[in-house]
Amino acid sequence: MVRLHHAATAFVTFLGAGCATGQGFNDAPPNGAAYDQAPAFSGQTRAPVMADDIALDQTVLVSGLEHPWGLAALPDGNWLVTERPGRMRVISADGTLGEPVQGLPAVDARDQGGLHDVSVADDFADTRRVWWTYAEPRDEGKNATAVATGILSADGTQMQQVTRIWQQNPAWNSTKHFGARIVHDGQGHLHIGVGERSLPEPRQYAQDPSATLGKTVRINAPDGSPAGAGINGALPEIWTMGHRNIQGAAVGPDGRIWMSEHGPKGGDELNLIKPAQNHGWPIATYGTDYSGAQMGQTQVDGTVQPVYYWDPSPALSGMAFYDGAMFPEWQGDLLLGGLQASAVIRLDIDGEKVTDEARHLQGIGRVRDVEVAQDGAVMLITDEDDGKLVRVSRGS
């Protein structure tokens, strides 16, 4: 195992309401303005900017990760991280980087594909069970999102008893929009958010209950048997439909599941995931086509509205609700990675409404996933050729 050099820097957020407004992320004109788009209700977008006078220290625990994608906390204080080319590693709390875990299945690592999210069992200390998502190679150059499970060896070097427990269908010859976030609901189920594969033809499957493109699915852990919402005519694992490319998933303080997803040009969404709902894509969206053309309507009967949306897009990614002691002011707030925003986005949520928004560590890099450490520090990974695991703690 190799101990990498620690680099510590200090970052202090701007102070006071005036400086918070100066962050400027609400100043850019929306892409949908050309089509007179408007939110469905007050507070659905561009919430007030939170002032914040907390100093934040950054410590780079590990650098040199190749496009890290998923991050999971282990009960001993260590971390399990995935790299998109197909590697999974254990990183100790002091920054010691383990060798790649052996025994993982092959991945299709082209473009957005590869090894994606990772999650561990609540009883990992006893079972050492792990789940992960990945772009699975299929016949004729096609691929699709899949979920596998295995037992991590005591020394963290081998994945044993590996079993693929779920496959997205149909497979497609595409290298984009795998989705692939995975979250436990605390009731013995796994929820997986999967993409619609980006291209115009498979995109339509997001509204097709006989396919698992553009859906969230619920399966039983650990065997992967379906536990869907019972939507009439739908595959038995489908929980919700009408999604574009889910990138974040987390369980809130009240046990409800929230997910974030990418819109096209604008229209990134935060959604509360309730069974049997249709989230609208591609017939309903607050985004526009990359060409600038209009895509669908913002409100369509039979579909639900996002709790919150962004235009322009921050390119949302992994997320976690803050539940630590280090930042009591943030208790219960939602932290989201921002790829395009190059920041950690913090939302204050009251019930089902976002009341305030802040962006921390702007310029830190493409934040792919966010987790909370046992001591309340915020841990994040940056999705880059030279990706990093960064510990964010309270400064002086």
Protein backbone atom coordinates (compact mmCIF):
# COMPACT_ATOMS: atom_id res chain seq x y z
CA MET A 1 0.00 0.00 0.00
CA VAL A 2 1.23 3.50 -0.81
CA ARG A 3 0.95 6.54 1.40
CA LEU A 4 0.41 9.65 -0.72
CA HIS A 5 1.54 13.10 0.31
CA HIS A 6 -1.07 15.19 2.11
CA ALA A 7 -1.61 18.72 0.86
CA ALA A 8 -3.62 21.03 3.10
CA THR A 9 -5.07 24.36 2.05
CA ALA A 10 -7.53 26.74 3.64
CA PHE A 11 -10.66 28.09 2.04
CA VAL A 12 -12.96 30.65 3.63
CA THR A 13 -16.43 31.29 2.25
CA PHE A 14 -17.47 34.86 1.58
CA LEU A 15 -18.98 36.63 4.57
CA GLY A 16 -22.32 38.33 4.90
CA ALA A 17 -25.39 38.57 2.74
CA GLY A 18 -23.84 41.00 0.29
CA CYS A 19 -20.88 38.77 -0.43
CA ALA A 20 -23.10 35.69 -0.69
CA THR A 21 -25.10 37.44 -3.40
CA GLY A 22 -21.77 38.15 -5.06
CA GLN A 23 -21.28 34.44 -5.59
CA GLY A 24 -23.21 35.10 -8.79
CA PHE A 25 -24.60 31.66 -9.53
CA ASN A 26 -28.13 33.07 -9.79
CA ASP A 27 -27.09 35.91 -12.09
CA ALA A 28 -26.77 34.07 -15.41
CA PRO A 29 -29.85 34.22 -17.66
CA PRO A 30 -31.79 30.94 -17.96
CA ASN A 31 -31.58 29.01 -21.22
CA GLY A 32 -35.35 28.59 -21.16
CA ALA A 33 -35.99 32.34 -21.20
CA ALA A 34 -36.40 32.27 -24.98
CA TYR A 35 -39.47 30.07 -24.53
CA ASP A 36 -41.01 32.04 -21.66
CA GLN A 37 -40.43 29.19 -19.24
CA ALA A 38 -41.58 29.88 -15.71
CA PRO A 39 -41.52 27.79 -12.54
CA ALA A 40 -44.69 25.95 -11.59
CA PHE A 41 -44.61 27.35 -8.05
CA SER A 42 -42.76 29.91 -5.97
CA GLY A 43 -39.32 28.76 -4.84
CA GLN A 44 -38.96 26.02 -7.45
CA THR A 45 -35.75 27.59 -8.77
CA ARG A 46 -33.21 30.28 -7.85
CA ALA A 47 -33.82 30.19 -4.12
CA PRO A 48 -32.27 32.96 -2.02
CA VAL A 49 -28.51 32.70 -1.60
CA MET A 50 -27.44 31.78 1.93
CA ALA A 51 -24.86 33.93 3.67
CA ASP A 52 -22.15 31.85 5.33
CA ASP A 53 -19.26 32.90 7.56
CA ILE A 54 -17.80 29.45 8.23
CA ALA A 55 -14.12 28.93 7.41
CA LEU A 56 -13.44 25.65 5.64
CA ASP A 57 -10.14 23.77 5.53
CA GLN A 58 -9.38 21.39 2.66
CA THR A 59 -7.02 18.46 2.99
CA VAL A 60 -6.23 16.36 -0.07
CA LEU A 61 -5.97 12.82 1.31
CA VAL A 62 -5.27 11.18 -2.04
CA SER A 63 -4.52 12.46 -5.54
CA GLY A 64 -3.86 10.58 -8.76
CA LEU A 65 -7.23 8.81 -8.89
CA GLU A 66 -8.45 8.29 -12.45
CA HIS A 67 -11.96 9.71 -12.72
CA PRO A 68 -13.23 8.57 -9.32
CA TRP A 69 -17.01 8.12 -9.36
CA GLY A 70 -18.39 6.53 -6.20
CA LEU A 71 -17.47 6.91 -2.53
CA ALA A 72 -18.70 4.84 0.43
CA ALA A 73 -17.81 5.09 4.11
CA LEU A 74 -16.61 1.98 5.90
CA PRO A 75 -17.33 1.48 9.61
CA ASP A 76 -13.62 1.52 10.54
CA GLY A 77 -13.25 5.07 9.19
CA ASN A 78 -11.78 3.99 5.86
CA TRP A 79 -13.29 4.67 2.44
CA LEU A 80 -14.20 2.60 -0.59
CA VAL A 81 -13.79 4.47 -3.87
CA THR A 82 -14.41 3.53 -7.50
CA GLU A 83 -12.52 4.75 -10.55
CA ARG A 84 -14.42 4.81 -13.81
CA PRO A 85 -11.88 2.72 -15.82
CA GLY A 86 -12.88 -0.25 -13.64
CA ARG A 87 -10.95 -0.06 -10.38
CA MET A 88 -12.18 -0.13 -6.79
CA ARG A 89 -9.83 0.70 -3.91
CA VAL A 90 -9.80 1.01 -0.14
CA ILE A 91 -8.43 4.32 1.13
CA SER A 92 -7.57 4.50 4.81
CA ALA A 93 -8.57 7.44 6.95
CA ASP A 94 -4.96 8.68 6.89
CA GLY A 95 -4.74 8.65 3.09
CA THR A 96 -3.13 5.28 2.46
CA LEU A 97 -4.26 4.13 -0.99
CA GLY A 98 -4.86 0.42 -1.45
CA GLU A 99 -4.13 -1.54 -4.60
CA PRO A 100 -7.12 -2.20 -6.92
CA VAL A 101 -9.56 -4.77 -5.54
CA GLN A 102 -9.39 -7.97 -7.58
CA GLY A 103 -12.35 -10.00 -8.81
CA LEU A 104 -14.63 -7.31 -10.24
CA PRO A 105 -16.51 -7.95 -13.50
CA ALA A 106 -15.46 -6.30 -16.75
CA VAL A 107 -16.83 -2.84 -17.51
CA ASP A 108 -17.36 -0.86 -20.70
CA ALA A 109 -15.21 2.13 -19.85
CA ARG A 110 -15.81 4.23 -22.95
CA ASP A 111 -16.73 7.89 -22.45
CA GLN A 112 -19.23 8.11 -19.54
CA GLY A 113 -19.26 4.35 -19.01
CA GLY A 114 -17.25 2.27 -16.58
CA LEU A 115 -17.36 1.44 -12.88
CA HIS A 116 -19.81 3.77 -11.20
CA ASP A 117 -21.36 3.87 -7.75
CA VAL A 118 -20.57 1.78 -4.67
CA SER A 119 -22.52 1.12 -1.48
CA VAL A 120 -21.94 -1.08 1.55
CA ALA A 121 -24.35 -2.99 3.77
CA ASP A 122 -25.44 -1.49 7.07
CA ASP A 123 -23.97 -4.59 8.71
CA PHE A 124 -20.75 -4.43 6.69
CA ALA A 125 -18.65 -4.87 9.84
CA ASP A 126 -20.10 -8.39 10.09
CA THR A 127 -20.90 -9.31 6.47
CA ARG A 128 -18.46 -7.17 4.42
CA ARG A 129 -21.11 -7.05 1.68
CA VAL A 130 -20.73 -4.46 -1.08
CA TRP A 131 -22.94 -3.44 -4.02
CA TRP A 132 -21.80 -1.51 -7.07
CA THR A 133 -23.10 -0.31 -10.42
CA TYR A 134 -21.28 -0.42 -13.72
CA ALA A 135 -21.62 -0.19 -17.50
CA GLU A 136 -21.89 -3.85 -18.47
CA PRO A 137 -20.61 -4.88 -21.92
CA ARG A 138 -23.23 -6.70 -23.97
CA ASP A 139 -23.28 -8.34 -27.41
CA GLU A 140 -22.73 -6.39 -30.65
CA GLY A 141 -20.99 -3.49 -28.94
CA LYS A 142 -23.98 -2.65 -26.77
CA ASN A 143 -23.95 -1.96 -23.04
CA ALA A 144 -26.26 -1.15 -20.15
CA THR A 145 -26.19 -0.41 -16.44
CA ALA A 146 -25.91 -3.41 -14.13
CA VAL A 147 -25.74 -4.01 -10.38
CA ALA A 148 -23.45 -6.56 -8.74
CA THR A 149 -22.75 -7.61 -5.18
CA GLY A 150 -19.88 -9.36 -3.45
CA ILE A 151 -17.99 -9.86 -0.22
CA LEU A 152 -14.86 -7.75 0.31
CA SER A 153 -12.03 -9.78 1.79
CA ALA A 154 -10.81 -8.86 5.26
CA ASP A 155 -7.62 -7.35 3.85
CA GLY A 156 -9.53 -5.30 1.25
CA THR A 157 -7.80 -6.83 -1.77
CA GLN A 158 -10.36 -9.29 -3.18
CA MET A 159 -14.06 -9.19 -4.03
CA GLN A 160 -15.44 -12.66 -3.40
CA GLN A 161 -18.74 -14.39 -4.23
CA VAL A 162 -19.42 -11.83 -6.95
CA THR A 163 -22.92 -12.00 -8.43
CA ARG A 164 -24.64 -9.73 -10.92
CA ILE A 165 -28.12 -9.19 -9.47
CA TRP A 166 -29.76 -6.75 -11.89
CA GLN A 167 -29.46 -5.67 -15.55
CA GLN A 168 -30.96 -2.72 -17.37
CA ASN A 169 -32.82 -3.56 -20.57
CA PRO A 170 -32.77 -3.05 -23.44
CA ALA A 171 -29.03 -2.64 -23.95
CA TRP A 172 -27.93 0.04 -26.40
CA ASN A 173 -24.92 1.05 -28.46
CA SER A 174 -24.32 4.27 -26.54
CA THR A 175 -21.60 5.56 -24.24
CA LYS A 176 -23.72 8.07 -22.32
CA HIS A 177 -26.43 8.42 -19.67
CA PHE A 178 -25.93 5.33 -17.55
CA GLY A 179 -27.24 7.06 -14.43
CA ALA A 180 -26.17 4.41 -11.92
CA ARG A 181 -26.59 5.91 -8.45
CA ILE A 182 -27.57 3.38 -5.79
CA VAL A 183 -29.03 3.93 -2.32
CA HIS A 184 -30.40 1.77 0.50
CA ASP A 185 -33.83 2.70 1.83
CA GLY A 186 -33.31 1.20 5.29
CA GLN A 187 -36.05 -1.36 4.68
CA GLY A 188 -34.06 -4.04 2.89
CA HIS A 189 -34.27 -2.54 -0.61
CA LEU A 190 -31.85 -0.96 -3.04
CA HIS A 191 -33.01 1.93 -5.22
CA ILE A 192 -31.09 2.46 -8.45
CA GLY A 193 -31.46 5.48 -10.71
CA VAL A 194 -30.68 4.65 -14.33
CA GLY A 195 -30.34 6.82 -17.44
CA GLU A 196 -32.11 6.73 -20.80
CA ARG A 197 -28.89 6.40 -22.86
CA SER A 198 -29.03 9.90 -24.39
CA LEU A 199 -29.76 9.13 -28.05
CA PRO A 200 -33.14 10.19 -29.51
CA GLU A 201 -34.40 6.63 -30.05
CA PRO A 202 -33.69 5.08 -26.62
CA ARG A 203 -34.68 8.35 -24.94
CA GLN A 204 -38.32 7.52 -25.65
CA TYR A 205 -38.07 4.43 -23.44
CA ALA A 206 -38.11 6.71 -20.41
CA GLN A 207 -41.90 6.76 -20.89
CA ASP A 208 -42.16 3.03 -21.66
CA PRO A 209 -43.04 0.87 -18.62
CA SER A 210 -41.78 -2.27 -20.39
CA ALA A 211 -38.16 -1.02 -20.36
CA THR A 212 -35.82 0.11 -17.59
CA LEU A 213 -34.25 3.05 -19.41
CA GLY A 214 -34.90 6.37 -17.68
CA LYS A 215 -36.30 4.80 -14.52
CA THR A 216 -35.69 4.25 -10.86
CA VAL A 217 -35.92 0.62 -9.85
CA ARG A 218 -36.31 -0.97 -6.45
CA ILE A 219 -34.89 -4.42 -5.78
CA ASN A 220 -34.47 -6.57 -2.71
CA ALA A 221 -31.05 -6.81 -1.13
CA PRO A 222 -28.99 -8.84 -1.52
CA ASP A 223 -30.54 -11.06 -4.22
CA GLY A 224 -31.88 -8.40 -6.61
CA SER A 225 -35.42 -9.75 -6.83
CA PRO A 226 -37.90 -7.07 -7.97
CA ALA A 227 -39.74 -4.91 -5.44
CA GLY A 228 -41.29 -2.26 -7.67
CA ALA A 229 -44.27 0.02 -7.22
CA GLY A 230 -46.78 -2.18 -9.05
CA ILE A 231 -47.31 0.24 -11.95
CA ASN A 232 -49.89 -1.22 -14.31
CA GLY A 233 -48.15 -2.93 -17.23
CA ALA A 234 -44.67 -2.13 -15.92
CA LEU A 235 -41.72 -4.38 -15.24
CA PRO A 236 -41.88 -5.56 -11.62
CA GLU A 237 -38.82 -3.63 -10.43
CA ILE A 238 -39.85 -0.18 -11.75
CA TRP A 239 -40.43 2.37 -8.99
CA THR A 240 -40.67 5.64 -10.98
CA MET A 241 -40.31 6.61 -14.63
CA GLY A 242 -39.60 9.61 -16.85
CA HIS A 243 -35.98 10.28 -15.87
CA ARG A 244 -33.12 11.51 -18.04
CA ASN A 245 -29.84 10.78 -16.25
CA ILE A 246 -29.94 10.36 -12.47
CA GLN A 247 -26.61 11.30 -10.88
CA GLY A 248 -27.27 11.57 -7.14
CA ALA A 249 -29.30 9.67 -4.54
CA ALA A 250 -29.66 9.99 -0.78
CA VAL A 251 -32.04 9.16 2.05
CA GLY A 252 -33.31 12.23 3.88
CA PRO A 253 -33.60 12.69 7.65
CA ASP A 254 -37.20 11.42 7.52
CA GLY A 255 -36.31 8.30 5.52
CA ARG A 256 -37.56 9.53 2.16
CA ILE A 257 -35.42 9.11 -0.96
CA TRP A 258 -34.25 12.09 -2.99
CA MET A 259 -32.46 11.99 -6.33
CA SER A 260 -30.78 14.54 -8.58
CA GLU A 261 -30.54 14.33 -12.34
CA HIS A 262 -29.06 16.10 -15.29
CA GLY A 263 -31.27 18.03 -17.63
CA PRO A 264 -30.14 18.78 -21.18
CA LYS A 265 -29.13 22.45 -21.57
CA GLY A 266 -30.54 23.63 -18.27
CA GLY A 267 -33.21 21.80 -16.35
CA ASP A 268 -31.12 19.89 -13.78
CA GLU A 269 -33.59 18.58 -11.20
CA LEU A 270 -33.92 17.62 -7.55
CA ASN A 271 -36.71 15.09 -7.13
CA LEU A 272 -38.41 13.44 -4.20
CA ILE A 273 -38.86 9.83 -5.26
CA LYS A 274 -42.37 8.56 -4.54
CA PRO A 275 -43.67 5.24 -5.90
CA ALA A 276 -45.40 5.05 -9.29
CA GLN A 277 -44.78 8.67 -10.26
CA ASN A 278 -43.84 9.88 -13.74
CA HIS A 279 -41.16 12.58 -13.68
CA GLY A 280 -41.84 13.62 -17.24
CA TRP A 281 -38.74 13.20 -19.37
CA PRO A 282 -38.63 13.69 -22.36
CA ILE A 283 -42.12 15.19 -22.67
CA ALA A 284 -41.71 17.51 -19.67
CA THR A 285 -38.51 19.40 -18.85
CA TYR A 286 -37.18 22.82 -17.89
CA GLY A 287 -34.19 22.26 -20.17
CA THR A 288 -33.66 23.00 -23.84
CA ASP A 289 -31.84 21.02 -26.52
CA TYR A 290 -28.11 21.67 -26.84
CA SER A 291 -28.93 23.25 -30.21
CA GLY A 292 -31.14 25.75 -28.40
CA ALA A 293 -34.37 24.20 -29.67
CA GLN A 294 -37.29 23.67 -27.33
CA MET A 295 -37.75 20.19 -25.83
CA GLY A 296 -41.22 19.31 -24.58
CA GLN A 297 -43.21 21.44 -22.15
CA THR A 298 -42.48 22.43 -18.58
CA GLN A 299 -45.80 21.10 -17.27
CA VAL A 300 -47.62 18.04 -18.62
CA ASP A 301 -50.68 16.35 -17.15
CA GLY A 302 -49.86 13.03 -15.52
CA THR A 303 -46.30 14.03 -14.64
CA VAL A 304 -44.90 15.45 -11.41
CA GLN A 305 -42.88 18.59 -11.04
CA PRO A 306 -39.32 18.60 -9.69
CA VAL A 307 -39.02 19.91 -6.16
CA TYR A 308 -36.33 22.24 -7.49
CA TYR A 309 -34.60 22.88 -10.80
CA TRP A 310 -31.59 24.79 -12.10
CA ASP A 311 -31.14 26.72 -15.34
CA PRO A 312 -28.29 27.04 -16.28
CA SER A 313 -27.21 23.62 -15.10
CA PRO A 314 -24.61 23.09 -12.37
CA ALA A 315 -24.31 19.45 -13.60
CA LEU A 316 -25.40 17.82 -10.36
CA SER A 317 -23.78 14.65 -9.09
CA GLY A 318 -23.58 12.56 -5.91
CA MET A 319 -25.22 13.88 -2.77
CA ALA A 320 -25.70 13.36 0.96
CA PHE A 321 -27.78 14.89 3.74
CA TYR A 322 -25.55 16.39 6.40
CA ASP A 323 -25.88 14.62 9.76
CA GLY A 324 -22.60 15.34 11.52
CA ALA A 325 -21.39 17.30 14.53
CA MET A 326 -18.68 19.42 12.88
CA PHE A 327 -21.10 21.78 11.12
CA PRO A 328 -24.22 22.02 13.32
CA GLU A 329 -25.44 24.93 11.17
CA TRP A 330 -25.76 22.51 8.26
CA GLN A 331 -27.69 19.81 10.10
CA GLY A 332 -30.26 18.26 7.76
CA ASP A 333 -29.09 20.28 4.74
CA LEU A 334 -28.54 18.54 1.42
CA LEU A 335 -25.01 18.61 -0.01
CA LEU A 336 -24.67 17.96 -3.76
CA GLY A 337 -21.64 17.69 -5.98
CA GLY A 338 -21.48 20.13 -8.86
CA LEU A 339 -19.48 19.07 -11.92
CA GLN A 340 -19.95 22.15 -14.08
CA ALA A 341 -20.41 24.32 -10.99
CA SER A 342 -17.07 23.06 -9.62
CA ALA A 343 -18.43 23.34 -6.10
CA VAL A 344 -20.36 21.73 -3.29
CA ILE A 345 -23.96 22.92 -3.45
CA ARG A 346 -25.84 23.19 -0.14
CA LEU A 347 -29.63 23.35 0.04
CA ASP A 348 -31.79 24.16 3.04
CA ILE A 349 -34.99 22.14 2.63
CA ASP A 350 -38.22 22.67 4.55
CA GLY A 351 -40.54 19.72 3.96
CA GLU A 352 -40.67 19.49 0.18
CA LYS A 353 -39.43 22.99 -0.60
CA VAL A 354 -35.92 24.36 -1.08
CA THR A 355 -35.71 27.59 0.89
CA ASP A 356 -32.06 28.63 0.40
CA GLU A 357 -28.98 27.68 -1.63
CA ALA A 358 -25.24 28.14 -1.13
CA ARG A 359 -22.16 27.03 -3.04
CA HIS A 360 -18.97 26.18 -1.22
CA LEU A 361 -15.40 25.62 -2.42
CA GLN A 362 -16.10 27.13 -5.82
CA GLY A 363 -13.33 26.21 -8.23
CA ILE A 364 -12.32 23.03 -6.39
CA GLY A 365 -12.93 20.85 -9.46
CA ARG A 366 -15.62 18.54 -10.81
CA VAL A 367 -17.20 17.27 -7.59
CA ARG A 368 -18.52 13.79 -8.40
CA ASP A 369 -19.60 12.51 -5.00
CA VAL A 370 -20.08 13.82 -1.47
CA GLU A 371 -20.24 11.89 1.82
CA VAL A 372 -20.12 12.72 5.53
CA ALA A 373 -17.36 11.24 7.71
CA GLN A 374 -17.93 9.88 11.21
CA ASP A 375 -16.51 13.05 12.78
CA GLY A 376 -18.74 15.29 10.64
CA ALA A 377 -16.14 16.31 8.06
CA VAL A 378 -17.36 16.42 4.46
CA MET A 379 -15.58 14.08 2.07
CA LEU A 380 -15.64 14.60 -1.67
CA ILE A 381 -14.06 13.21 -4.82
CA THR A 382 -13.21 15.16 -7.95
CA ASP A 383 -13.87 13.50 -11.31
CA GLU A 384 -10.72 14.30 -13.28
CA ASP A 385 -7.68 12.59 -14.82
CA ASP A 386 -5.91 13.49 -11.58
CA GLY A 387 -8.89 12.96 -9.30
CA LYS A 388 -8.69 13.62 -5.58
CA LEU A 389 -10.25 12.53 -2.32
CA VAL A 390 -10.63 15.70 -0.26
CA ARG A 391 -11.54 16.12 3.39
CA VAL A 392 -13.35 19.37 4.21
CA SER A 393 -13.26 20.34 7.88
CA ARG A 394 -14.05 23.37 9.98
CA GLY A 395 -11.39 26.03 9.80
CA SER A 396 -10.24 28.47 12.42
